[in-house]
N, C-alpha and C. Protein backbone atom coordinates (compact mmCIF):
# COMPACT_ATOMS: atom_id res chain seq x y z
N MET A 1 -2.52 8.11 -28.13
CA MET A 1 -2.32 8.00 -26.38
C MET A 1 -1.58 8.45 -25.64
N ASP A 2 -2.14 8.73 -24.57
CA ASP A 2 -1.05 9.73 -23.42
C ASP A 2 0.25 8.76 -23.09
N GLU A 3 0.78 9.58 -22.39
CA GLU A 3 2.29 9.34 -22.62
C GLU A 3 2.02 8.31 -20.83
N SER A 4 1.29 9.05 -19.95
CA SER A 4 0.94 8.39 -18.87
C SER A 4 0.60 6.70 -18.70
N ARG A 5 -0.31 7.02 -20.43
CA ARG A 5 -1.12 5.39 -20.58
C ARG A 5 0.01 4.55 -20.97
N LYS A 6 1.08 5.30 -21.56
CA LYS A 6 1.65 4.36 -22.74
C LYS A 6 2.97 3.83 -21.48
N ARG A 7 3.34 4.25 -20.47
CA ARG A 7 3.62 4.12 -18.88
C ARG A 7 2.83 3.10 -18.44
N VAL A 8 1.71 2.78 -18.08
CA VAL A 8 0.98 1.88 -17.52
C VAL A 8 1.07 0.77 -18.17
N ILE A 9 1.27 0.57 -19.49
CA ILE A 9 1.62 -0.50 -20.34
C ILE A 9 2.95 -0.91 -20.60
N GLY A 10 3.65 -0.19 -20.73
CA GLY A 10 4.83 -0.64 -20.72
C GLY A 10 5.12 -1.44 -19.44
N ILE A 11 4.79 -0.88 -18.08
CA ILE A 11 5.13 -1.62 -16.76
C ILE A 11 4.27 -2.56 -16.59
N MET A 12 2.95 -2.71 -17.09
CA MET A 12 2.54 -4.37 -17.34
C MET A 12 3.38 -4.89 -18.46
N ALA A 13 3.65 -4.74 -18.83
CA ALA A 13 4.13 -5.60 -20.31
C ALA A 13 5.61 -6.41 -19.82
N ALA A 14 6.11 -5.33 -19.08
CA ALA A 14 7.71 -5.92 -18.47
C ALA A 14 7.05 -6.81 -17.34
N ILE A 15 6.66 -6.58 -16.50
CA ILE A 15 6.01 -7.62 -16.06
C ILE A 15 5.45 -9.44 -16.53
N LEU A 16 4.52 -8.54 -17.47
CA LEU A 16 4.26 -10.38 -18.13
C LEU A 16 5.66 -10.65 -18.88
N ALA A 17 6.11 -9.78 -19.31
CA ALA A 17 7.66 -10.27 -20.17
C ALA A 17 8.38 -10.90 -19.32
N ALA A 18 8.94 -10.48 -18.07
CA ALA A 18 9.97 -11.26 -17.13
C ALA A 18 9.45 -12.49 -16.72
N ARG A 19 8.66 -12.89 -16.91
CA ARG A 19 8.27 -14.43 -16.47
C ARG A 19 8.48 -15.02 -17.87
N LYS A 20 8.62 -14.84 -18.35
CA LYS A 20 8.80 -15.81 -19.77
C LYS A 20 10.39 -15.60 -20.22
N LEU A 21 10.95 -14.08 -20.06
CA LEU A 21 12.32 -14.12 -20.08
C LEU A 21 13.08 -14.53 -19.03
N ALA A 22 12.96 -14.88 -18.16
CA ALA A 22 13.52 -15.22 -16.90
C ALA A 22 13.31 -17.12 -16.96
N GLN A 23 13.00 -17.28 -17.89
CA GLN A 23 13.20 -18.69 -18.45
C GLN A 23 14.12 -19.32 -19.49
N GLN A 24 14.29 -18.24 -20.23
CA GLN A 24 15.35 -18.61 -21.28
C GLN A 24 16.78 -18.38 -20.62
N ASP A 25 17.54 -19.24 -21.54
CA ASP A 25 18.46 -19.64 -20.89
C ASP A 25 19.51 -18.07 -21.30
N SER A 26 19.60 -17.42 -22.55
CA SER A 26 20.19 -16.69 -22.94
C SER A 26 19.56 -14.98 -22.46
N THR A 27 20.91 -13.82 -22.51
CA THR A 27 20.32 -12.63 -22.03
C THR A 27 20.33 -12.26 -23.59
N LYS A 28 21.08 -13.05 -24.31
CA LYS A 28 21.00 -12.11 -25.88
C LYS A 28 19.44 -12.02 -26.87
N PRO A 29 19.39 -11.36 -27.40
CA PRO A 29 17.97 -10.79 -28.09
C PRO A 29 17.67 -12.28 -29.16
N SER A 30 16.98 -13.01 -29.42
CA SER A 30 16.33 -13.80 -29.98
C SER A 30 14.74 -13.82 -30.68
N PRO A 31 14.98 -14.86 -31.70
CA PRO A 31 13.20 -14.19 -32.09
C PRO A 31 11.88 -14.84 -30.65
N ALA A 32 12.47 -15.88 -29.73
CA ALA A 32 11.78 -16.27 -28.86
C ALA A 32 11.62 -14.89 -27.58
N SER A 33 12.52 -14.23 -27.53
CA SER A 33 12.50 -13.09 -26.95
C SER A 33 12.00 -12.04 -27.21
N ASN A 34 12.31 -11.98 -28.54
CA ASN A 34 11.17 -10.44 -28.91
C ASN A 34 9.60 -11.95 -29.15
N CYS A 35 9.22 -12.13 -29.47
CA CYS A 35 8.01 -13.02 -28.86
C CYS A 35 7.17 -12.54 -27.96
N ALA A 36 8.14 -13.15 -26.90
CA ALA A 36 7.47 -12.93 -25.63
C ALA A 36 7.30 -11.32 -24.72
N ILE A 37 7.99 -10.37 -25.74
CA ILE A 37 7.85 -9.32 -25.86
C ILE A 37 6.88 -8.85 -26.04
N HIS A 38 6.25 -9.13 -27.37
CA HIS A 38 5.66 -8.55 -28.61
C HIS A 38 3.92 -8.92 -27.91
N ASP A 39 4.10 -10.30 -27.16
CA ASP A 39 2.72 -10.89 -26.64
C ASP A 39 2.43 -10.19 -25.68
N ALA A 40 3.63 -9.87 -24.70
CA ALA A 40 3.33 -9.01 -23.07
C ALA A 40 2.59 -8.06 -23.45
N VAL A 41 3.52 -7.32 -24.70
CA VAL A 41 2.60 -5.68 -25.30
C VAL A 41 1.13 -6.12 -25.58
N VAL A 42 0.55 -7.22 -26.13
CA VAL A 42 -0.41 -7.42 -26.81
C VAL A 42 -1.75 -7.64 -25.50
N PHE A 43 -0.96 -8.51 -24.54
CA PHE A 43 -1.78 -8.87 -23.08
C PHE A 43 -2.00 -7.80 -22.36
N ALA A 44 -0.89 -6.81 -22.43
CA ALA A 44 -1.09 -5.47 -21.30
C ALA A 44 -2.41 -4.54 -21.76
N GLU A 45 -1.78 -4.46 -23.25
CA GLU A 45 -3.18 -3.30 -23.99
C GLU A 45 -4.57 -4.33 -23.90
N ARG A 46 -4.42 -5.58 -23.52
CA ARG A 46 -6.05 -6.12 -23.61
C ARG A 46 -6.56 -5.70 -22.30
N ILE A 47 -5.17 -5.99 -21.48
CA ILE A 47 -6.26 -6.00 -19.96
C ILE A 47 -6.40 -4.36 -19.72
N MET A 48 -5.47 -3.32 -20.38
CA MET A 48 -6.61 -1.82 -20.06
C MET A 48 -7.71 -1.76 -20.59
N ARG A 49 -7.74 -2.42 -22.08
CA ARG A 49 -9.17 -2.60 -22.55
C ARG A 49 -10.21 -3.04 -21.55
N VAL A 50 -10.07 -3.64 -21.02
CA VAL A 50 -11.20 -4.33 -20.26
C VAL A 50 -11.13 -3.69 -18.87
N ILE A 51 -10.35 -3.25 -18.12
CA ILE A 51 -10.42 -2.06 -17.68
C ILE A 51 -11.31 -0.71 -17.61
N ASP A 52 -11.19 -0.08 -18.71
CA ASP A 52 -11.40 0.63 -19.48
C ASP A 52 -13.02 0.44 -19.97
N GLU A 53 -13.55 -0.67 -20.29
CA GLU A 53 -14.81 -1.30 -20.42
C GLU A 53 -15.33 -1.53 -19.06
N ARG A 54 -14.94 -1.42 -17.85
CA ARG A 54 -15.40 -2.20 -16.75
C ARG A 54 -15.78 -0.89 -16.09
N PHE A 55 -14.22 0.20 -15.87
CA PHE A 55 -14.51 1.31 -14.94
C PHE A 55 -13.80 2.70 -15.94
N PRO A 56 -15.26 2.90 -16.54
CA PRO A 56 -15.28 3.86 -17.72
C PRO A 56 -15.14 5.46 -16.75
N VAL A 57 -14.62 6.03 -17.43
CA VAL A 57 -13.59 7.76 -16.98
C VAL A 57 -14.90 8.41 -17.28
N SER A 58 -15.78 9.07 -15.92
CA SER A 58 -16.93 9.89 -15.97
C SER A 58 -16.51 11.16 -16.35
N SER A 59 -17.32 11.91 -17.26
CA SER A 59 -16.79 13.02 -17.41
C SER A 59 -16.69 14.23 -16.71
N PRO A 60 -16.16 15.01 -16.83
CA PRO A 60 -16.33 16.52 -15.68
C PRO A 60 -17.44 16.93 -15.06
N VAL A 61 -18.41 16.82 -16.05
CA VAL A 61 -19.64 17.34 -15.35
C VAL A 61 -20.65 16.31 -14.84
N ASP A 62 -19.82 14.85 -14.79
CA ASP A 62 -20.02 14.00 -13.92
C ASP A 62 -19.77 14.29 -12.62
N ARG A 63 -18.89 14.90 -12.48
CA ARG A 63 -18.04 14.42 -10.98
C ARG A 63 -18.53 15.58 -10.19
N LEU A 64 -19.05 16.72 -10.97
CA LEU A 64 -19.86 17.81 -10.52
C LEU A 64 -21.03 17.55 -9.24
N THR A 65 -21.52 16.16 -9.96
CA THR A 65 -23.07 16.48 -9.77
C THR A 65 -22.88 15.00 -8.95
């Protein structure tokens, strides 16, 4: 996985996790916050997979024609 893709997944995961983390009363690390972050990364990866399936990258040869 290239660095730009990691950044996109990281940003998506941060947005998804922020909602759950904002509902927690504490800012200290906990199993619940770790789970929220893990779930957000899984969902972000799943979203990227669906985007890749719907909008496949064309090869450089396809771009020329």
